[in-house]
Amino acid sequence: MSEPTDPPPATSAADKPISLPVAVGVMGLILVVGAGLIWKYLYHPPAPANAIRTIAPQPGSPHVAGGPAAKDAGIPVEALKAIAAEADLPDGLHLTSTGTLIKAGDAYLRVRGMDSYAFGFFTLSEQEWEHGYLSQGVRRMLTQDDFAKELALTDDQRARLEKLPAAPAAKWPQADRDRLIALYKDEKSRPQVVAALAAYAAERRAADQKVMAERIRQFRSILTEKQLARVNPIPRWPLTPASSPSTPDRAPRGP
């Protein structure tokens, strides 16, 4: 009579061999996920949360577009298209989804509710863009010692920059705003508001651009080319056959 033998030890799930199809599937998944992460963070890094997305103008339409993407701001794409199309409306008064728009050439007056008014221009000229980024760069040099040191700003340059004429005010003077608002509010004078807005906006923009041109001239005479290039936020756009002839050159220009 033979002696009883012990039963073979049970095989745990971890000791069981993995089938070839499962192994191939897991390896493929790892490769796909790894490649996706490398693409996202190495070759296509995410933009900062407050990044501005600029759109190059098309021929005959020098509009400047920027701001968060529609999905980030919660604004429907169709609403954004409607806002962008306002610059192409004929001069006059127009009812919009947010109120009344008074358009006069490149200028506008927006009326929202009973006492909410906004004034401005639909487009931004190349000179205004250049003045804006140079002014911002100089402001940083004069208020942030680390930035001034990084750009090797000299005491003489600082003194000359501090003596520059003041930049044009971003907001229209309240007296001029009140005059245009009064024209709009009065039913009898309302038809005059478009012509009044056009005349005032043209005069104001010409005066502002004269000041900007002088400030740009002095910026470029005080700062070196290396310093100017450091504060320019957008590099030169390549001009290819597919590019628009009106596409602006963002690179610093010589004096």
C-alpha atoms as a PDB file:
ATOM      1  CA  MET A   1       0.000   0.000   0.000  1.00  0.00           C
ATOM      2  CA  SER A   2       1.529   3.270  -1.089  1.00  0.00           C
ATOM      3  CA  GLU A   3       1.862   6.211   1.276  1.00  0.00           C
ATOM      4  CA  PRO A   4      -0.396   9.212   0.682  1.00  0.00           C
ATOM      5  CA  THR A   5       1.310  12.136  -1.046  1.00  0.00           C
ATOM      6  CA  ASP A   6       0.800  15.837  -0.285  1.00  0.00           C
ATOM      7  CA  PRO A   7      -1.323  17.760  -2.797  1.00  0.00           C
ATOM      8  CA  PRO A   8       0.610  20.115  -5.055  1.00  0.00           C
ATOM      9  CA  PRO A   9       0.829  23.689  -3.695  1.00  0.00           C
ATOM     10  CA  ALA A  10      -1.843  26.013  -5.003  1.00  0.00           C
ATOM     11  CA  THR A  11      -0.653  28.504  -7.616  1.00  0.00           C
ATOM     12  CA  SER A  12      -1.419  32.134  -6.728  1.00  0.00           C
ATOM     13  CA  ALA A  13      -2.784  34.565  -9.301  1.00  0.00           C
ATOM     14  CA  ALA A  14       0.484  36.475  -9.185  1.00  0.00           C
ATOM     15  CA  ASP A  15       2.441  33.362 -10.180  1.00  0.00           C
ATOM     16  CA  LYS A  16       0.276  32.544 -13.153  1.00  0.00           C
ATOM     17  CA  PRO A  17       1.896  33.332 -16.501  1.00  0.00           C
ATOM     18  CA  ILE A  18       0.527  36.334 -18.430  1.00  0.00           C
ATOM     19  CA  SER A  19      -0.802  35.504 -21.832  1.00  0.00           C
ATOM     20  CA  LEU A  20       0.971  36.969 -24.835  1.00  0.00           C
ATOM     21  CA  PRO A  21      -2.033  39.103 -26.050  1.00  0.00           C
ATOM     22  CA  VAL A  22      -2.411  40.703 -22.594  1.00  0.00           C
ATOM     23  CA  ALA A  23       1.331  41.459 -22.371  1.00  0.00           C
ATOM     24  CA  VAL A  24       1.361  43.027 -25.834  1.00  0.00           C
ATOM     25  CA  GLY A  25      -1.711  45.126 -24.967  1.00  0.00           C
ATOM     26  CA  VAL A  26      -0.195  46.428 -21.729  1.00  0.00           C
ATOM     27  CA  MET A  27       3.101  47.325 -23.413  1.00  0.00           C
ATOM     28  CA  GLY A  28       1.243  49.118 -26.196  1.00  0.00           C
ATOM     29  CA  LEU A  29      -0.786  51.113 -23.677  1.00  0.00           C
ATOM     30  CA  ILE A  30       2.371  52.141 -21.828  1.00  0.00           C
ATOM     31  CA  LEU A  31       4.006  53.278 -25.079  1.00  0.00           C
ATOM     32  CA  VAL A  32       0.958  55.303 -26.150  1.00  0.00           C
ATOM     33  CA  VAL A  33       0.559  57.022 -22.766  1.00  0.00           C
ATOM     34  CA  GLY A  34       4.299  57.739 -22.545  1.00  0.00           C
ATOM     35  CA  ALA A  35       4.407  59.216 -26.035  1.00  0.00           C
ATOM     36  CA  GLY A  36       1.401  61.396 -25.231  1.00  0.00           C
ATOM     37  CA  LEU A  37       2.989  62.763 -22.065  1.00  0.00           C
ATOM     38  CA  ILE A  38       6.277  63.474 -23.852  1.00  0.00           C
ATOM     39  CA  TRP A  39       4.423  65.363 -26.614  1.00  0.00           C
ATOM     40  CA  LYS A  40       2.312  67.361 -24.164  1.00  0.00           C
ATOM     41  CA  TYR A  41       5.024  68.478 -21.785  1.00  0.00           C
ATOM     42  CA  LEU A  42       8.182  68.484 -23.913  1.00  0.00           C
ATOM     43  CA  TYR A  43       7.223  69.325 -27.478  1.00  0.00           C
ATOM     44  CA  HIS A  44       3.898  71.027 -26.781  1.00  0.00           C
ATOM     45  CA  PRO A  45       4.051  72.556 -23.256  1.00  0.00           C
ATOM     46  CA  PRO A  46       0.788  73.975 -21.901  1.00  0.00           C
ATOM     47  CA  ALA A  47       0.357  77.760 -22.090  1.00  0.00           C
ATOM     48  CA  PRO A  48       0.090  79.747 -18.861  1.00  0.00           C
ATOM     49  CA  ALA A  49      -3.439  80.210 -17.576  1.00  0.00           C
ATOM     50  CA  ASN A  50      -3.383  83.923 -18.441  1.00  0.00           C
ATOM     51  CA  ALA A  51      -1.786  83.593 -21.875  1.00  0.00           C
ATOM     52  CA  ILE A  52      -3.122  85.845 -24.622  1.00  0.00           C
ATOM     53  CA  ARG A  53      -3.869  84.197 -27.926  1.00  0.00           C
ATOM     54  CA  THR A  54      -3.163  86.681 -30.711  1.00  0.00           C
ATOM     55  CA  ILE A  55      -4.617  86.278 -34.208  1.00  0.00           C
ATOM     56  CA  ALA A  56      -2.746  87.639 -37.217  1.00  0.00           C
ATOM     57  CA  PRO A  57      -4.812  90.198 -39.164  1.00  0.00           C
ATOM     58  CA  GLN A  58      -6.083  89.309 -42.599  1.00  0.00           C
ATOM     59  CA  PRO A  59      -5.743  91.575 -45.686  1.00  0.00           C
ATOM     60  CA  GLY A  60      -7.946  94.627 -45.350  1.00  0.00           C
ATOM     61  CA  SER A  61      -8.972  93.739 -41.802  1.00  0.00           C
ATOM     62  CA  PRO A  62      -6.408  95.008 -39.271  1.00  0.00           C
ATOM     63  CA  HIS A  63      -8.432  93.890 -36.267  1.00  0.00           C
ATOM     64  CA  VAL A  64      -6.583  92.758 -33.203  1.00  0.00           C
ATOM     65  CA  ALA A  65      -7.988  89.730 -31.406  1.00  0.00           C
ATOM     66  CA  GLY A  66      -6.812  88.393 -28.078  1.00  0.00           C
ATOM     67  CA  GLY A  67      -7.862  86.964 -24.765  1.00  0.00           C
ATOM     68  CA  PRO A  68      -8.775  83.560 -23.404  1.00  0.00           C
ATOM     69  CA  ALA A  69     -10.144  80.862 -25.635  1.00  0.00           C
ATOM     70  CA  ALA A  70     -13.920  80.709 -25.819  1.00  0.00           C
ATOM     71  CA  LYS A  71     -14.081  77.415 -23.950  1.00  0.00           C
ATOM     72  CA  ASP A  72     -11.925  78.854 -21.134  1.00  0.00           C
ATOM     73  CA  ALA A  73     -13.924  82.056 -20.754  1.00  0.00           C
ATOM     74  CA  GLY A  74     -17.304  80.388 -21.057  1.00  0.00           C
ATOM     75  CA  ILE A  75     -18.217  82.532 -24.064  1.00  0.00           C
ATOM     76  CA  PRO A  76     -19.970  80.773 -26.962  1.00  0.00           C
ATOM     77  CA  VAL A  77     -17.976  80.839 -30.186  1.00  0.00           C
ATOM     78  CA  GLU A  78     -20.903  82.354 -32.058  1.00  0.00           C
ATOM     79  CA  ALA A  79     -21.012  85.224 -29.548  1.00  0.00           C
ATOM     80  CA  LEU A  80     -17.313  85.891 -30.100  1.00  0.00           C
ATOM     81  CA  LYS A  81     -17.841  85.935 -33.850  1.00  0.00           C
ATOM     82  CA  ALA A  82     -20.669  88.436 -33.434  1.00  0.00           C
ATOM     83  CA  ILE A  83     -18.470  90.716 -31.324  1.00  0.00           C
ATOM     84  CA  ALA A  84     -15.617  90.522 -33.835  1.00  0.00           C
ATOM     85  CA  ALA A  85     -18.015  91.351 -36.679  1.00  0.00           C
ATOM     86  CA  GLU A  86     -19.140  94.586 -34.978  1.00  0.00           C
ATOM     87  CA  ALA A  87     -16.107  96.393 -36.398  1.00  0.00           C
ATOM     88  CA  ASP A  88     -17.475  95.789 -39.909  1.00  0.00           C
ATOM     89  CA  LEU A  89     -20.941  97.193 -39.212  1.00  0.00           C
ATOM     90  CA  PRO A  90     -21.937 100.433 -40.967  1.00  0.00           C
ATOM     91  CA  ASP A  91     -21.769 103.624 -38.957  1.00  0.00           C
ATOM     92  CA  GLY A  92     -24.855 104.198 -36.855  1.00  0.00           C
ATOM     93  CA  LEU A  93     -26.794 102.805 -33.897  1.00  0.00           C
ATOM     94  CA  HIS A  94     -27.125  99.031 -33.631  1.00  0.00           C
ATOM     95  CA  LEU A  95     -28.992  96.834 -31.184  1.00  0.00           C
ATOM     96  CA  THR A  96     -26.816  93.985 -29.889  1.00  0.00           C
ATOM     97  CA  SER A  97     -27.299  91.129 -27.434  1.00  0.00           C
ATOM     98  CA  THR A  98     -25.779  93.285 -24.676  1.00  0.00           C
ATOM     99  CA  GLY A  99     -27.401  96.651 -25.410  1.00  0.00           C
ATOM    100  CA  THR A 100     -26.826  99.422 -27.959  1.00  0.00           C
ATOM    101  CA  LEU A 101     -23.691  99.955 -30.023  1.00  0.00           C
ATOM    102  CA  ILE A 102     -22.955 103.374 -31.527  1.00  0.00           C
ATOM    103  CA  LYS A 103     -20.339 102.882 -34.249  1.00  0.00           C
ATOM    104  CA  ALA A 104     -18.479 105.754 -35.888  1.00  0.00           C
ATOM    105  CA  GLY A 105     -15.642 104.580 -38.093  1.00  0.00           C
ATOM    106  CA  ASP A 106     -13.143 102.799 -35.855  1.00  0.00           C
ATOM    107  CA  ALA A 107     -14.636 104.228 -32.645  1.00  0.00           C
ATOM    108  CA  TYR A 108     -17.530 102.934 -30.584  1.00  0.00           C
ATOM    109  CA  LEU A 109     -19.778 103.806 -27.685  1.00  0.00           C
ATOM    110  CA  ARG A 110     -21.414 100.836 -25.975  1.00  0.00           C
ATOM    111  CA  VAL A 111     -24.539 101.343 -23.911  1.00  0.00           C
ATOM    112  CA  ARG A 112     -25.389  98.604 -21.427  1.00  0.00           C
ATOM    113  CA  GLY A 113     -28.308  99.098 -19.086  1.00  0.00           C
ATOM    114  CA  MET A 114     -29.311 102.500 -17.775  1.00  0.00           C
ATOM    115  CA  ASP A 115     -25.953 104.016 -16.780  1.00  0.00           C
ATOM    116  CA  SER A 116     -23.224 101.772 -18.175  1.00  0.00           C
ATOM    117  CA  TYR A 117     -21.175 103.230 -21.025  1.00  0.00           C
ATOM    118  CA  ALA A 118     -17.908 102.133 -22.621  1.00  0.00           C
ATOM    119  CA  PHE A 119     -15.809 104.040 -25.166  1.00  0.00           C
ATOM    120  CA  GLY A 120     -12.944 102.881 -27.339  1.00  0.00           C
ATOM    121  CA  PHE A 121     -11.612 101.776 -30.711  1.00  0.00           C
ATOM    122  CA  PHE A 122     -12.116  98.515 -32.563  1.00  0.00           C
ATOM    123  CA  THR A 123      -8.537  98.237 -33.842  1.00  0.00           C
ATOM    124  CA  LEU A 124      -5.046  98.769 -32.530  1.00  0.00           C
ATOM    125  CA  SER A 125      -2.457 100.353 -34.822  1.00  0.00           C
ATOM    126  CA  GLU A 126       1.090  99.055 -35.030  1.00  0.00           C
ATOM    127  CA  GLN A 127       2.302 102.261 -33.394  1.00  0.00           C
ATOM    128  CA  GLU A 128      -0.080 101.802 -30.459  1.00  0.00           C
ATOM    129  CA  TRP A 129       1.038  98.177 -30.055  1.00  0.00           C
ATOM    130  CA  GLU A 130       4.709  99.189 -30.082  1.00  0.00           C
ATOM    131  CA  HIS A 131       4.129 102.020 -27.634  1.00  0.00           C
ATOM    132  CA  GLY A 132       2.239  99.673 -25.337  1.00  0.00           C
ATOM    133  CA  TYR A 133       4.890  96.992 -24.995  1.00  0.00           C
ATOM    134  CA  LEU A 134       7.748  99.513 -24.781  1.00  0.00           C
ATOM    135  CA  SER A 135       5.918 101.476 -22.072  1.00  0.00           C
ATOM    136  CA  GLN A 136       5.291  98.285 -20.117  1.00  0.00           C
ATOM    137  CA  GLY A 137       8.943  97.260 -20.410  1.00  0.00           C
ATOM    138  CA  VAL A 138      10.198 100.666 -19.282  1.00  0.00           C
ATOM    139  CA  ARG A 139       7.737 100.660 -16.369  1.00  0.00           C
ATOM    140  CA  ARG A 140       9.210  97.347 -15.226  1.00  0.00           C
ATOM    141  CA  MET A 141      12.750  98.712 -15.518  1.00  0.00           C
ATOM    142  CA  LEU A 142      11.909 101.704 -13.334  1.00  0.00           C
ATOM    143  CA  THR A 143       9.973  99.790 -10.671  1.00  0.00           C
ATOM    144  CA  GLN A 144      11.700  96.390 -10.534  1.00  0.00           C
ATOM    145  CA  ASP A 145      15.379  96.552  -9.601  1.00  0.00           C
ATOM    146  CA  ASP A 146      15.987  92.905 -10.543  1.00  0.00           C
ATOM    147  CA  PHE A 147      14.643  93.475 -14.043  1.00  0.00           C
ATOM    148  CA  ALA A 148      16.688  96.692 -14.444  1.00  0.00           C
ATOM    149  CA  LYS A 149      19.812  94.819 -13.337  1.00  0.00           C
ATOM    150  CA  GLU A 150      19.055  91.957 -15.718  1.00  0.00           C
ATOM    151  CA  LEU A 151      18.899  94.444 -18.616  1.00  0.00           C
ATOM    152  CA  ALA A 152      21.991  96.338 -17.390  1.00  0.00           C
ATOM    153  CA  LEU A 153      20.081  99.625 -17.152  1.00  0.00           C
ATOM    154  CA  THR A 154      22.512 102.455 -16.403  1.00  0.00           C
ATOM    155  CA  ASP A 155      21.899 105.399 -14.075  1.00  0.00           C
ATOM    156  CA  ASP A 156      21.954 107.755 -17.058  1.00  0.00           C
ATOM    157  CA  GLN A 157      19.347 105.688 -18.906  1.00  0.00           C
ATOM    158  CA  ARG A 158      17.131 105.602 -15.813  1.00  0.00           C
ATOM    159  CA  ALA A 159      17.323 109.374 -15.408  1.00  0.00           C
ATOM    160  CA  ARG A 160      16.428 109.972 -19.061  1.00  0.00           C
ATOM    161  CA  LEU A 161      13.536 107.489 -18.961  1.00  0.00           C
ATOM    162  CA  GLU A 162      12.101 109.165 -15.863  1.00  0.00           C
ATOM    163  CA  LYS A 163      11.939 112.483 -17.758  1.00  0.00           C
ATOM    164  CA  LEU A 164       9.861 111.133 -20.657  1.00  0.00           C
ATOM    165  CA  PRO A 165       6.539 112.868 -21.359  1.00  0.00           C
ATOM    166  CA  ALA A 166       3.545 111.142 -19.804  1.00  0.00           C
ATOM    167  CA  ALA A 167       1.718 108.529 -21.870  1.00  0.00           C
ATOM    168  CA  PRO A 168      -1.774 109.359 -23.151  1.00  0.00           C
ATOM    169  CA  ALA A 169      -4.516 108.467 -20.689  1.00  0.00           C
ATOM    170  CA  ALA A 170      -6.178 105.146 -21.485  1.00  0.00           C
ATOM    171  CA  LYS A 171      -9.608 106.421 -20.467  1.00  0.00           C
ATOM    172  CA  TRP A 172     -11.323 109.220 -22.315  1.00  0.00           C
ATOM    173  CA  PRO A 173     -11.788 112.379 -20.195  1.00  0.00           C
ATOM    174  CA  GLN A 174     -15.029 112.324 -18.240  1.00  0.00           C
ATOM    175  CA  ALA A 175     -16.169 115.687 -19.646  1.00  0.00           C
ATOM    176  CA  ASP A 176     -15.938 114.360 -23.207  1.00  0.00           C
ATOM    177  CA  ARG A 177     -17.665 111.134 -22.225  1.00  0.00           C
ATOM    178  CA  ASP A 178     -20.476 113.060 -20.551  1.00  0.00           C
ATOM    179  CA  ARG A 179     -20.984 115.225 -23.646  1.00  0.00           C
ATOM    180  CA  LEU A 180     -21.372 112.208 -25.931  1.00  0.00           C
ATOM    181  CA  ILE A 181     -23.610 110.421 -23.427  1.00  0.00           C
ATOM    182  CA  ALA A 182     -25.853 113.495 -23.212  1.00  0.00           C
ATOM    183  CA  LEU A 183     -26.229 113.505 -27.002  1.00  0.00           C
ATOM    184  CA  TYR A 184     -27.263 109.863 -26.928  1.00  0.00           C
ATOM    185  CA  LYS A 185     -29.741 110.303 -24.080  1.00  0.00           C
ATOM    186  CA  ASP A 186     -31.553 113.222 -25.715  1.00  0.00           C
ATOM    187  CA  GLU A 187     -33.997 111.867 -28.298  1.00  0.00           C
ATOM    188  CA  LYS A 188     -33.717 115.077 -30.357  1.00  0.00           C
ATOM    189  CA  SER A 189     -29.909 115.116 -30.469  1.00  0.00           C
ATOM    190  CA  ARG A 190     -29.397 111.351 -30.701  1.00  0.00           C
ATOM    191  CA  PRO A 191     -28.985 111.406 -34.506  1.00  0.00           C
ATOM    192  CA  GLN A 192     -25.948 113.687 -33.984  1.00  0.00           C
ATOM    193  CA  VAL A 193     -24.086 111.299 -31.721  1.00  0.00           C
ATOM    194  CA  VAL A 194     -22.494 109.275 -34.538  1.00  0.00           C
ATOM    195  CA  ALA A 195     -20.934 112.321 -36.221  1.00  0.00           C
ATOM    196  CA  ALA A 196     -19.874 113.770 -32.850  1.00  0.00           C
ATOM    197  CA  LEU A 197     -18.248 110.483 -31.834  1.00  0.00           C
ATOM    198  CA  ALA A 198     -16.402 110.208 -35.153  1.00  0.00           C
ATOM    199  CA  ALA A 199     -15.051 113.771 -34.937  1.00  0.00           C
ATOM    200  CA  TYR A 200     -13.947 113.470 -31.331  1.00  0.00           C
ATOM    201  CA  ALA A 201     -12.358 110.028 -31.794  1.00  0.00           C
ATOM    202  CA  ALA A 202     -10.357 111.146 -34.831  1.00  0.00           C
ATOM    203  CA  GLU A 203      -9.059 114.228 -33.005  1.00  0.00           C
ATOM    204  CA  ARG A 204      -8.214 112.304 -29.864  1.00  0.00           C
ATOM    205  CA  ARG A 205      -6.460 109.471 -31.677  1.00  0.00           C
ATOM    206  CA  ALA A 206      -4.341 111.889 -33.716  1.00  0.00           C
ATOM    207  CA  ALA A 207      -3.258 113.705 -30.535  1.00  0.00           C
ATOM    208  CA  ASP A 208      -2.525 110.450 -28.706  1.00  0.00           C
ATOM    209  CA  GLN A 209      -0.504 109.045 -31.585  1.00  0.00           C
ATOM    210  CA  LYS A 210       1.578 112.217 -31.750  1.00  0.00           C
ATOM    211  CA  VAL A 211       2.537 111.721 -28.098  1.00  0.00           C
ATOM    212  CA  MET A 212       3.143 108.004 -28.656  1.00  0.00           C
ATOM    213  CA  ALA A 213       5.409 108.668 -31.644  1.00  0.00           C
ATOM    214  CA  GLU A 214       7.588 111.000 -29.573  1.00  0.00           C
ATOM    215  CA  ARG A 215       7.773 108.546 -26.671  1.00  0.00           C
ATOM    216  CA  ILE A 216       8.719 105.698 -29.035  1.00  0.00           C
ATOM    217  CA  ARG A 217      11.443 107.870 -30.587  1.00  0.00           C
ATOM    218  CA  GLN A 218      12.884 108.577 -27.143  1.00  0.00           C
ATOM    219  CA  PHE A 219      12.556 104.963 -26.012  1.00  0.00           C
ATOM    220  CA  ARG A 220      14.634 103.895 -28.983  1.00  0.00           C
ATOM    221  CA  SER A 221      17.229 106.624 -28.516  1.00  0.00           C
ATOM    222  CA  ILE A 222      17.744 105.760 -24.833  1.00  0.00           C
ATOM    223  CA  LEU A 223      17.669 101.951 -24.819  1.00  0.00           C
ATOM    224  CA  THR A 224      20.087  99.658 -26.611  1.00  0.00           C
ATOM    225  CA  GLU A 225      18.977  97.194 -29.275  1.00  0.00           C
ATOM    226  CA  LYS A 226      19.574  94.351 -26.827  1.00  0.00           C
ATOM    227  CA  GLN A 227      17.360  95.997 -24.223  1.00  0.00           C
ATOM    228  CA  LEU A 228      14.666  96.745 -26.799  1.00  0.00           C
ATOM    229  CA  ALA A 229      14.666  93.139 -27.975  1.00  0.00           C
ATOM    230  CA  ARG A 230      14.327  91.949 -24.381  1.00  0.00           C
ATOM    231  CA  VAL A 231      11.061  93.850 -23.803  1.00  0.00           C
ATOM    232  CA  ASN A 232       9.506  92.950 -27.167  1.00  0.00           C
ATOM    233  CA  PRO A 233       7.015  90.162 -26.309  1.00  0.00           C
ATOM    234  CA  ILE A 234       6.558  88.742 -29.805  1.00  0.00           C
ATOM    235  CA  PRO A 235       9.382  87.776 -32.195  1.00  0.00           C
ATOM    236  CA  ARG A 236       9.444  88.613 -35.875  1.00  0.00           C
ATOM    237  CA  TRP A 237       6.695  86.852 -37.818  1.00  0.00           C
ATOM    238  CA  PRO A 238       8.026  84.994 -40.870  1.00  0.00           C
ATOM    239  CA  LEU A 239       6.659  86.397 -44.102  1.00  0.00           C
ATOM    240  CA  THR A 240       5.793  83.396 -46.237  1.00  0.00           C
ATOM    241  CA  PRO A 241       3.701  83.315 -49.431  1.00  0.00           C
ATOM    242  CA  ALA A 242       0.736  82.305 -47.262  1.00  0.00           C
ATOM    243  CA  SER A 243       1.199  85.267 -44.938  1.00  0.00           C
ATOM    244  CA  SER A 244      -0.898  88.387 -45.223  1.00  0.00           C
ATOM    245  CA  PRO A 245       0.827  91.496 -46.633  1.00  0.00           C
ATOM    246  CA  SER A 246      -0.758  93.397 -43.746  1.00  0.00           C
ATOM    247  CA  THR A 247       0.712  91.091 -41.106  1.00  0.00           C
ATOM    248  CA  PRO A 248       2.601  93.400 -38.723  1.00  0.00           C
ATOM    249  CA  ASP A 249       6.304  93.062 -38.021  1.00  0.00           C
ATOM    250  CA  ARG A 250       6.618  92.744 -34.251  1.00  0.00           C
ATOM    251  CA  ALA A 251      10.415  92.837 -34.170  1.00  0.00           C
ATOM    252  CA  PRO A 252      12.202  95.909 -32.777  1.00  0.00           C
ATOM    253  CA  ARG A 253      13.159  98.391 -35.434  1.00  0.00           C
ATOM    254  CA  GLY A 254      16.250 100.568 -35.441  1.00  0.00           C
ATOM    255  CA  PRO A 255      16.060 104.281 -34.719  1.00  0.00           C
END
